[in-house]
Amino acid sequence: MIDEIDIKILNLLQNHGRTRRNEIAEHVGLSIPSVSDRLKKLEDNGFILQYTTVLNPKKFGKDITAFIAVKVDSSKHYSAFIDKANDNDEVLECHAITGDGSHLLKIRTENATSLEKLLSKIQSWSGVTDTRTSIVLSTTKESMKINLTMKR
């Protein structure tokens, strides 16, 4: 179980992942060792999955973001499909979905030519019967941050 202090720590880290332990300790009114213990428990219990840096994809020539709805013909291909998605660096996210398709992929790639090559590759994966691609024109919000409050 997590408490209000854990929520404060998690909110701090969501806003700035490089917040130092001494800064966290000062903000939440605990000692640095206490903050370290809490962070370890939050990590060990799966509340904190990773610490990461968000890069600007355009600075690295990744000018195309797209969502690809994929239909996989049966569950016997599920594991192989997931492995292929996980092994492809241009696939940023892979979600099993309801509705039109069985999976939704978020991808980033350089240009229309590289997108076409990626689509061809995905369409060749075992069990893939259909893809539908939506190219992102602009992004006004993109976040992994979740709203954290204590339930009373």
N, C-alpha and C. Protein backbone atom coordinates (compact mmCIF):
# COMPACT_ATOMS: atom_id res chain seq x y z
N MET A 1 0.84 -1.19 0.00
CA MET A 1 0.00 0.00 0.00
C MET A 1 0.88 1.24 0.00
N ILE A 2 0.43 2.26 -0.66
CA ILE A 2 1.18 3.52 -0.67
C ILE A 2 0.42 4.58 0.10
N ASP A 3 1.17 5.55 0.61
CA ASP A 3 0.54 6.61 1.40
C ASP A 3 0.73 7.96 0.72
N GLU A 4 0.30 9.02 1.40
CA GLU A 4 0.37 10.37 0.83
C GLU A 4 1.80 10.80 0.53
N ILE A 5 2.75 10.38 1.36
CA ILE A 5 4.15 10.73 1.11
C ILE A 5 4.63 10.06 -0.17
N ASP A 6 4.27 8.79 -0.36
CA ASP A 6 4.63 8.09 -1.61
C ASP A 6 4.04 8.81 -2.82
N ILE A 7 2.79 9.25 -2.69
CA ILE A 7 2.13 9.98 -3.78
C ILE A 7 2.91 11.26 -4.09
N LYS A 8 3.33 11.99 -3.06
CA LYS A 8 4.12 13.21 -3.26
C LYS A 8 5.42 12.89 -3.99
N ILE A 9 6.08 11.82 -3.57
CA ILE A 9 7.34 11.41 -4.21
C ILE A 9 7.10 11.05 -5.67
N LEU A 10 6.07 10.28 -5.93
CA LEU A 10 5.78 9.87 -7.31
C LEU A 10 5.41 11.06 -8.18
N ASN A 11 4.64 12.01 -7.64
CA ASN A 11 4.31 13.20 -8.42
C ASN A 11 5.55 14.02 -8.73
N LEU A 12 6.45 14.15 -7.76
CA LEU A 12 7.71 14.86 -8.00
C LEU A 12 8.48 14.21 -9.14
N LEU A 13 8.60 12.90 -9.08
CA LEU A 13 9.36 12.18 -10.10
C LEU A 13 8.69 12.22 -11.46
N GLN A 14 7.35 12.21 -11.49
CA GLN A 14 6.67 12.33 -12.78
C GLN A 14 6.94 13.68 -13.42
N ASN A 15 7.04 14.72 -12.60
CA ASN A 15 7.30 16.05 -13.14
C ASN A 15 8.76 16.27 -13.50
N HIS A 16 9.64 15.63 -12.77
CA HIS A 16 11.08 15.78 -13.04
C HIS A 16 11.81 14.55 -12.52
N GLY A 17 12.04 13.61 -13.41
CA GLY A 17 12.63 12.33 -13.05
C GLY A 17 14.03 12.41 -12.47
N ARG A 18 14.70 13.54 -12.67
CA ARG A 18 16.06 13.68 -12.16
C ARG A 18 16.11 14.37 -10.80
N THR A 19 14.96 14.47 -10.14
CA THR A 19 14.94 15.08 -8.81
C THR A 19 15.83 14.26 -7.89
N ARG A 20 16.75 14.92 -7.23
CA ARG A 20 17.68 14.24 -6.34
C ARG A 20 16.98 13.83 -5.05
N ARG A 21 17.52 12.80 -4.45
CA ARG A 21 16.92 12.27 -3.22
C ARG A 21 16.89 13.32 -2.11
N ASN A 22 17.93 14.15 -2.03
CA ASN A 22 17.93 15.19 -0.99
C ASN A 22 16.82 16.21 -1.24
N GLU A 23 16.53 16.52 -2.52
CA GLU A 23 15.45 17.43 -2.84
C GLU A 23 14.09 16.80 -2.50
N ILE A 24 13.96 15.51 -2.80
CA ILE A 24 12.71 14.81 -2.47
C ILE A 24 12.52 14.81 -0.96
N ALA A 25 13.60 14.48 -0.24
CA ALA A 25 13.54 14.43 1.23
C ALA A 25 13.09 15.77 1.80
N GLU A 26 13.66 16.85 1.27
CA GLU A 26 13.30 18.19 1.74
C GLU A 26 11.83 18.48 1.46
N HIS A 27 11.37 18.10 0.28
CA HIS A 27 10.00 18.39 -0.13
C HIS A 27 8.97 17.62 0.70
N VAL A 28 9.29 16.38 1.06
CA VAL A 28 8.31 15.55 1.76
C VAL A 28 8.57 15.46 3.26
N GLY A 29 9.66 16.07 3.73
CA GLY A 29 9.93 16.11 5.16
C GLY A 29 10.47 14.82 5.75
N LEU A 30 11.25 14.09 4.97
CA LEU A 30 11.86 12.85 5.44
C LEU A 30 13.37 12.93 5.30
N SER A 31 14.06 11.98 5.89
CA SER A 31 15.51 11.89 5.72
C SER A 31 15.82 11.25 4.36
N ILE A 32 17.04 11.45 3.89
CA ILE A 32 17.45 10.86 2.61
C ILE A 32 17.37 9.33 2.67
N PRO A 33 17.84 8.67 3.76
CA PRO A 33 17.70 7.21 3.82
C PRO A 33 16.23 6.75 3.79
N SER A 34 15.34 7.50 4.42
CA SER A 34 13.92 7.15 4.38
C SER A 34 13.37 7.25 2.96
N VAL A 35 13.77 8.29 2.25
CA VAL A 35 13.34 8.45 0.86
C VAL A 35 13.91 7.31 0.02
N SER A 36 15.17 6.97 0.23
CA SER A 36 15.79 5.86 -0.50
C SER A 36 15.03 4.56 -0.26
N ASP A 37 14.65 4.30 1.00
CA ASP A 37 13.88 3.09 1.32
C ASP A 37 12.54 3.09 0.61
N ARG A 38 11.87 4.23 0.62
CA ARG A 38 10.56 4.32 -0.04
C ARG A 38 10.70 4.11 -1.54
N LEU A 39 11.71 4.71 -2.15
CA LEU A 39 11.92 4.54 -3.59
C LEU A 39 12.18 3.07 -3.92
N LYS A 40 13.00 2.42 -3.12
CA LYS A 40 13.28 0.99 -3.35
C LYS A 40 12.00 0.17 -3.26
N LYS A 41 11.16 0.44 -2.26
CA LYS A 41 9.90 -0.29 -2.12
C LYS A 41 8.97 0.00 -3.30
N LEU A 42 8.91 1.26 -3.74
CA LEU A 42 8.06 1.62 -4.88
C LEU A 42 8.54 0.91 -6.15
N GLU A 43 9.86 0.79 -6.31
CA GLU A 43 10.43 0.08 -7.46
C GLU A 43 10.15 -1.42 -7.34
N ASP A 44 10.45 -1.99 -6.17
CA ASP A 44 10.28 -3.44 -5.97
C ASP A 44 8.83 -3.88 -6.12
N ASN A 45 7.88 -3.02 -5.76
CA ASN A 45 6.46 -3.35 -5.85
C ASN A 45 5.83 -2.94 -7.18
N GLY A 46 6.64 -2.47 -8.13
CA GLY A 46 6.15 -2.20 -9.47
C GLY A 46 5.42 -0.89 -9.66
N PHE A 47 5.48 0.01 -8.67
CA PHE A 47 4.87 1.32 -8.86
C PHE A 47 5.73 2.18 -9.78
N ILE A 48 7.04 2.07 -9.64
CA ILE A 48 7.98 2.75 -10.54
C ILE A 48 8.53 1.68 -11.47
N LEU A 49 8.26 1.82 -12.77
CA LEU A 49 8.72 0.84 -13.74
C LEU A 49 10.11 1.15 -14.26
N GLN A 50 10.39 2.44 -14.47
CA GLN A 50 11.69 2.83 -14.99
C GLN A 50 11.89 4.33 -14.84
N TYR A 51 13.12 4.72 -14.93
CA TYR A 51 13.48 6.14 -15.00
C TYR A 51 13.97 6.35 -16.42
N THR A 52 13.50 7.41 -17.06
CA THR A 52 13.82 7.58 -18.46
C THR A 52 13.98 9.05 -18.82
N THR A 53 14.52 9.28 -19.99
CA THR A 53 14.64 10.62 -20.55
C THR A 53 13.79 10.67 -21.80
N VAL A 54 13.01 11.71 -21.97
CA VAL A 54 12.18 11.87 -23.16
C VAL A 54 12.95 12.72 -24.17
N LEU A 55 13.18 12.14 -25.33
CA LEU A 55 13.92 12.82 -26.39
C LEU A 55 12.96 13.44 -27.40
N ASN A 56 13.43 14.47 -28.10
CA ASN A 56 12.66 15.08 -29.17
C ASN A 56 12.92 14.28 -30.45
N PRO A 57 11.94 13.49 -30.91
CA PRO A 57 12.19 12.62 -32.07
C PRO A 57 12.58 13.38 -33.33
N LYS A 58 12.06 14.59 -33.49
CA LYS A 58 12.38 15.36 -34.70
C LYS A 58 13.87 15.71 -34.77
N LYS A 59 14.51 15.90 -33.62
CA LYS A 59 15.94 16.21 -33.59
C LYS A 59 16.78 15.03 -34.08
N PHE A 60 16.17 13.84 -34.12
CA PHE A 60 16.86 12.63 -34.55
C PHE A 60 16.33 12.12 -35.89
N GLY A 61 15.63 13.00 -36.60
CA GLY A 61 15.15 12.66 -37.94
C GLY A 61 13.92 11.77 -37.96
N LYS A 62 13.26 11.60 -36.84
CA LYS A 62 12.04 10.79 -36.79
C LYS A 62 10.84 11.72 -36.99
N ASP A 63 10.55 12.04 -38.25
CA ASP A 63 9.54 13.04 -38.58
C ASP A 63 8.12 12.49 -38.71
N ILE A 64 7.99 11.17 -38.77
CA ILE A 64 6.66 10.56 -38.94
C ILE A 64 6.28 9.80 -37.67
N THR A 65 5.12 10.14 -37.13
CA THR A 65 4.50 9.35 -36.07
C THR A 65 3.21 8.82 -36.66
N ALA A 66 2.94 7.54 -36.43
CA ALA A 66 1.71 6.94 -36.96
C ALA A 66 1.18 5.91 -35.98
N PHE A 67 -0.11 5.67 -36.09
CA PHE A 67 -0.76 4.59 -35.36
C PHE A 67 -1.21 3.58 -36.40
N ILE A 68 -0.87 2.33 -36.16
CA ILE A 68 -1.21 1.26 -37.11
C ILE A 68 -2.10 0.25 -36.40
N ALA A 69 -3.35 0.16 -36.85
CA ALA A 69 -4.25 -0.87 -36.35
C ALA A 69 -3.94 -2.13 -37.14
N VAL A 70 -3.68 -3.22 -36.43
CA VAL A 70 -3.27 -4.47 -37.05
C VAL A 70 -4.28 -5.55 -36.71
N LYS A 71 -4.67 -6.35 -37.71
CA LYS A 71 -5.49 -7.52 -37.46
C LYS A 71 -4.59 -8.75 -37.56
N VAL A 72 -4.59 -9.53 -36.49
CA VAL A 72 -3.86 -10.80 -36.48
C VAL A 72 -4.92 -11.89 -36.50
N ASP A 73 -4.78 -12.87 -37.41
CA ASP A 73 -5.87 -13.80 -37.69
C ASP A 73 -6.24 -14.77 -36.58
N SER A 74 -5.34 -15.12 -35.70
CA SER A 74 -5.73 -16.00 -34.60
C SER A 74 -4.75 -15.89 -33.45
N SER A 75 -5.16 -16.39 -32.31
CA SER A 75 -4.32 -16.30 -31.12
C SER A 75 -3.05 -17.13 -31.24
N LYS A 76 -3.00 -18.08 -32.17
CA LYS A 76 -1.78 -18.88 -32.32
C LYS A 76 -0.61 -18.02 -32.81
N HIS A 77 -0.90 -16.86 -33.41
CA HIS A 77 0.15 -15.96 -33.89
C HIS A 77 0.47 -14.84 -32.89
N TYR A 78 -0.29 -14.79 -31.81
CA TYR A 78 -0.16 -13.69 -30.84
C TYR A 78 1.27 -13.53 -30.32
N SER A 79 1.86 -14.61 -29.84
CA SER A 79 3.19 -14.55 -29.24
C SER A 79 4.25 -14.09 -30.25
N ALA A 80 4.18 -14.63 -31.46
CA ALA A 80 5.15 -14.25 -32.50
C ALA A 80 4.98 -12.78 -32.89
N PHE A 81 3.71 -12.33 -32.95
CA PHE A 81 3.44 -10.92 -33.27
C PHE A 81 4.04 -10.00 -32.21
N ILE A 82 3.81 -10.33 -30.94
CA ILE A 82 4.34 -9.53 -29.84
C ILE A 82 5.87 -9.50 -29.89
N ASP A 83 6.48 -10.64 -30.14
CA ASP A 83 7.95 -10.70 -30.25
C ASP A 83 8.46 -9.79 -31.36
N LYS A 84 7.80 -9.83 -32.51
CA LYS A 84 8.21 -8.98 -33.65
C LYS A 84 8.06 -7.50 -33.29
N ALA A 85 6.95 -7.15 -32.65
CA ALA A 85 6.73 -5.75 -32.26
C ALA A 85 7.79 -5.31 -31.26
N ASN A 86 8.08 -6.16 -30.28
CA ASN A 86 9.09 -5.82 -29.26
C ASN A 86 10.49 -5.71 -29.85
N ASP A 87 10.77 -6.45 -30.89
CA ASP A 87 12.10 -6.45 -31.49
C ASP A 87 12.32 -5.30 -32.48
N ASN A 88 11.25 -4.59 -32.84
CA ASN A 88 11.36 -3.52 -33.83
C ASN A 88 11.49 -2.17 -33.13
N ASP A 89 12.61 -1.49 -33.33
CA ASP A 89 12.87 -0.21 -32.65
C ASP A 89 11.94 0.91 -33.09
N GLU A 90 11.34 0.79 -34.27
CA GLU A 90 10.43 1.84 -34.71
C GLU A 90 9.04 1.71 -34.07
N VAL A 91 8.74 0.56 -33.51
CA VAL A 91 7.49 0.35 -32.79
C VAL A 91 7.70 0.81 -31.35
N LEU A 92 7.04 1.90 -30.98
CA LEU A 92 7.19 2.46 -29.63
C LEU A 92 6.22 1.85 -28.64
N GLU A 93 5.03 1.51 -29.10
CA GLU A 93 3.99 0.96 -28.23
C GLU A 93 3.24 -0.12 -29.00
N CYS A 94 2.79 -1.12 -28.26
CA CYS A 94 1.97 -2.19 -28.83
C CYS A 94 0.88 -2.51 -27.83
N HIS A 95 -0.37 -2.35 -28.26
CA HIS A 95 -1.52 -2.55 -27.38
C HIS A 95 -2.47 -3.58 -28.00
N ALA A 96 -2.94 -4.54 -27.21
CA ALA A 96 -4.03 -5.41 -27.63
C ALA A 96 -5.31 -4.60 -27.45
N ILE A 97 -6.16 -4.58 -28.46
CA ILE A 97 -7.33 -3.70 -28.44
C ILE A 97 -8.61 -4.46 -28.82
N THR A 98 -9.73 -3.79 -28.54
CA THR A 98 -11.01 -4.25 -29.06
C THR A 98 -11.35 -3.35 -30.25
N GLY A 99 -12.38 -3.71 -30.96
CA GLY A 99 -12.80 -2.87 -32.08
C GLY A 99 -12.13 -3.29 -33.36
N ASP A 100 -11.77 -2.31 -34.18
CA ASP A 100 -11.22 -2.57 -35.50
C ASP A 100 -9.75 -2.95 -35.38
N GLY A 101 -9.46 -4.22 -35.44
CA GLY A 101 -8.10 -4.72 -35.32
C GLY A 101 -7.92 -5.45 -34.00
N SER A 102 -6.80 -6.12 -33.88
CA SER A 102 -6.50 -6.83 -32.63
C SER A 102 -5.41 -6.12 -31.84
N HIS A 103 -4.61 -5.30 -32.55
CA HIS A 103 -3.52 -4.58 -31.90
C HIS A 103 -3.39 -3.18 -32.49
N LEU A 104 -2.89 -2.29 -31.67
CA LEU A 104 -2.61 -0.93 -32.12
C LEU A 104 -1.14 -0.64 -31.84
N LEU A 105 -0.42 -0.26 -32.88
CA LEU A 105 0.99 0.07 -32.76
C LEU A 105 1.18 1.57 -32.90
N LYS A 106 2.02 2.13 -32.07
CA LYS A 106 2.46 3.51 -32.25
C LYS A 106 3.88 3.42 -32.75
N ILE A 107 4.14 4.08 -33.87
CA ILE A 107 5.49 4.00 -34.46
C ILE A 107 6.05 5.40 -34.70
N ARG A 108 7.35 5.45 -34.76
CA ARG A 108 8.05 6.66 -35.21
C ARG A 108 9.09 6.23 -36.22
N THR A 109 9.12 6.95 -37.33
CA THR A 109 10.07 6.64 -38.39
C THR A 109 10.48 7.92 -39.10
N GLU A 110 11.42 7.81 -40.02
CA GLU A 110 12.02 9.00 -40.64
C GLU A 110 11.11 9.73 -41.61
N ASN A 111 10.50 8.98 -42.54
CA ASN A 111 9.78 9.63 -43.64
C ASN A 111 8.78 8.65 -44.25
N ALA A 112 8.13 9.08 -45.32
CA ALA A 112 7.11 8.24 -45.96
C ALA A 112 7.72 6.95 -46.50
N THR A 113 8.92 7.02 -47.02
CA THR A 113 9.58 5.82 -47.56
C THR A 113 9.85 4.80 -46.45
N SER A 114 10.37 5.27 -45.33
CA SER A 114 10.64 4.34 -44.22
C SER A 114 9.34 3.81 -43.62
N LEU A 115 8.28 4.62 -43.62
CA LEU A 115 6.97 4.15 -43.16
C LEU A 115 6.47 3.04 -44.07
N GLU A 116 6.59 3.24 -45.36
CA GLU A 116 6.15 2.22 -46.32
C GLU A 116 6.91 0.91 -46.11
N LYS A 117 8.21 0.99 -45.88
CA LYS A 117 9.03 -0.21 -45.63
C LYS A 117 8.59 -0.89 -44.33
N LEU A 118 8.34 -0.10 -43.30
CA LEU A 118 7.90 -0.66 -42.03
C LEU A 118 6.55 -1.35 -42.18
N LEU A 119 5.62 -0.71 -42.89
CA LEU A 119 4.30 -1.32 -43.12
C LEU A 119 4.44 -2.65 -43.87
N SER A 120 5.30 -2.68 -44.86
CA SER A 120 5.53 -3.91 -45.61
C SER A 120 6.07 -5.00 -44.70
N LYS A 121 6.97 -4.61 -43.81
CA LYS A 121 7.54 -5.57 -42.86
C LYS A 121 6.46 -6.11 -41.93
N ILE A 122 5.66 -5.20 -41.35
CA ILE A 122 4.59 -5.62 -40.43
C ILE A 122 3.59 -6.52 -41.14
N GLN A 123 3.25 -6.18 -42.39
CA GLN A 123 2.28 -6.98 -43.14
C GLN A 123 2.81 -8.37 -43.47
N SER A 124 4.13 -8.56 -43.39
CA SER A 124 4.72 -9.87 -43.66
C SER A 124 4.81 -10.75 -42.41
N TRP A 125 4.53 -10.18 -41.24
CA TRP A 125 4.61 -10.96 -40.01
C TRP A 125 3.52 -12.04 -40.01
N SER A 126 3.85 -13.20 -39.46
CA SER A 126 2.91 -14.32 -39.40
C SER A 126 1.59 -13.91 -38.76
N GLY A 127 0.50 -14.23 -39.46
CA GLY A 127 -0.83 -13.99 -38.92
C GLY A 127 -1.42 -12.63 -39.20
N VAL A 128 -0.62 -11.68 -39.67
CA VAL A 128 -1.15 -10.34 -39.95
C VAL A 128 -1.98 -10.40 -41.23
N THR A 129 -3.26 -10.02 -41.10
CA THR A 129 -4.15 -10.07 -42.26
C THR A 129 -4.54 -8.70 -42.78
N ASP A 130 -4.36 -7.67 -41.94
CA ASP A 130 -4.78 -6.34 -42.37
C ASP A 130 -4.10 -5.29 -41.50
N THR A 131 -3.83 -4.14 -42.09
CA THR A 131 -3.34 -2.99 -41.33
C THR A 131 -4.09 -1.75 -41.80
N ARG A 132 -4.28 -0.83 -40.87
CA ARG A 132 -4.86 0.48 -41.18
C ARG A 132 -3.98 1.51 -40.49
N THR A 133 -3.48 2.47 -41.25
CA THR A 133 -2.52 3.42 -40.72
C THR A 133 -3.10 4.81 -40.66
N SER A 134 -2.90 5.46 -39.53
CA SER A 134 -3.25 6.88 -39.37
C SER A 134 -1.96 7.63 -39.06
N ILE A 135 -1.64 8.57 -39.92
CA ILE A 135 -0.43 9.38 -39.74
C ILE A 135 -0.77 10.59 -38.89
N VAL A 136 0.06 10.87 -37.91
CA VAL A 136 -0.13 12.01 -37.02
C VAL A 136 0.31 13.27 -37.74
N LEU A 137 -0.57 14.28 -37.81
CA LEU A 137 -0.21 15.57 -38.43
C LEU A 137 0.46 16.49 -37.42
N SER A 138 -0.04 16.50 -36.20
CA SER A 138 0.58 17.29 -35.13
C SER A 138 0.19 16.68 -33.80
N THR A 139 0.96 16.98 -32.78
CA THR A 139 0.70 16.46 -31.45
C THR A 139 0.61 17.63 -30.48
N THR A 140 -0.52 17.75 -29.80
CA THR A 140 -0.68 18.83 -28.83
C THR A 140 -0.48 18.35 -27.40
N LYS A 141 -0.59 17.03 -27.20
CA LYS A 141 -0.33 16.47 -25.87
C LYS A 141 0.15 15.04 -26.03
N GLU A 142 1.22 14.74 -25.32
CA GLU A 142 1.75 13.37 -25.29
C GLU A 142 2.41 13.21 -23.93
N SER A 143 1.90 12.29 -23.13
CA SER A 143 2.38 12.19 -21.77
C SER A 143 2.25 10.77 -21.25
N MET A 144 3.11 10.40 -20.33
CA MET A 144 2.99 9.14 -19.61
C MET A 144 2.56 9.42 -18.16
N LYS A 145 2.37 10.68 -17.87
CA LYS A 145 2.05 11.11 -16.50
C LYS A 145 0.61 10.75 -16.16
N ILE A 146 0.41 10.18 -14.96
CA ILE A 146 -0.94 9.86 -14.51
C ILE A 146 -1.27 10.70 -13.28
N ASN A 147 -2.55 11.02 -13.13
CA ASN A 147 -3.01 11.82 -12.02
C ASN A 147 -3.03 10.97 -10.75
N LEU A 148 -2.25 11.37 -9.76
CA LEU A 148 -2.17 10.62 -8.51
C LEU A 148 -2.74 11.41 -7.36
N THR A 149 -3.72 10.85 -6.69
CA THR A 149 -4.26 11.43 -5.47
C THR A 149 -4.59 10.25 -4.55
N MET A 150 -4.59 10.52 -3.28
CA MET A 150 -4.97 9.49 -2.31
C MET A 150 -6.49 9.37 -2.26
N LYS A 151 -6.98 8.15 -2.29
CA LYS A 151 -8.41 7.91 -2.13
C LYS A 151 -8.72 7.82 -0.65
N ARG A 152 -9.72 8.48 -0.26
CA ARG A 152 -10.07 8.53 1.16
C ARG A 152 -11.24 7.65 1.45
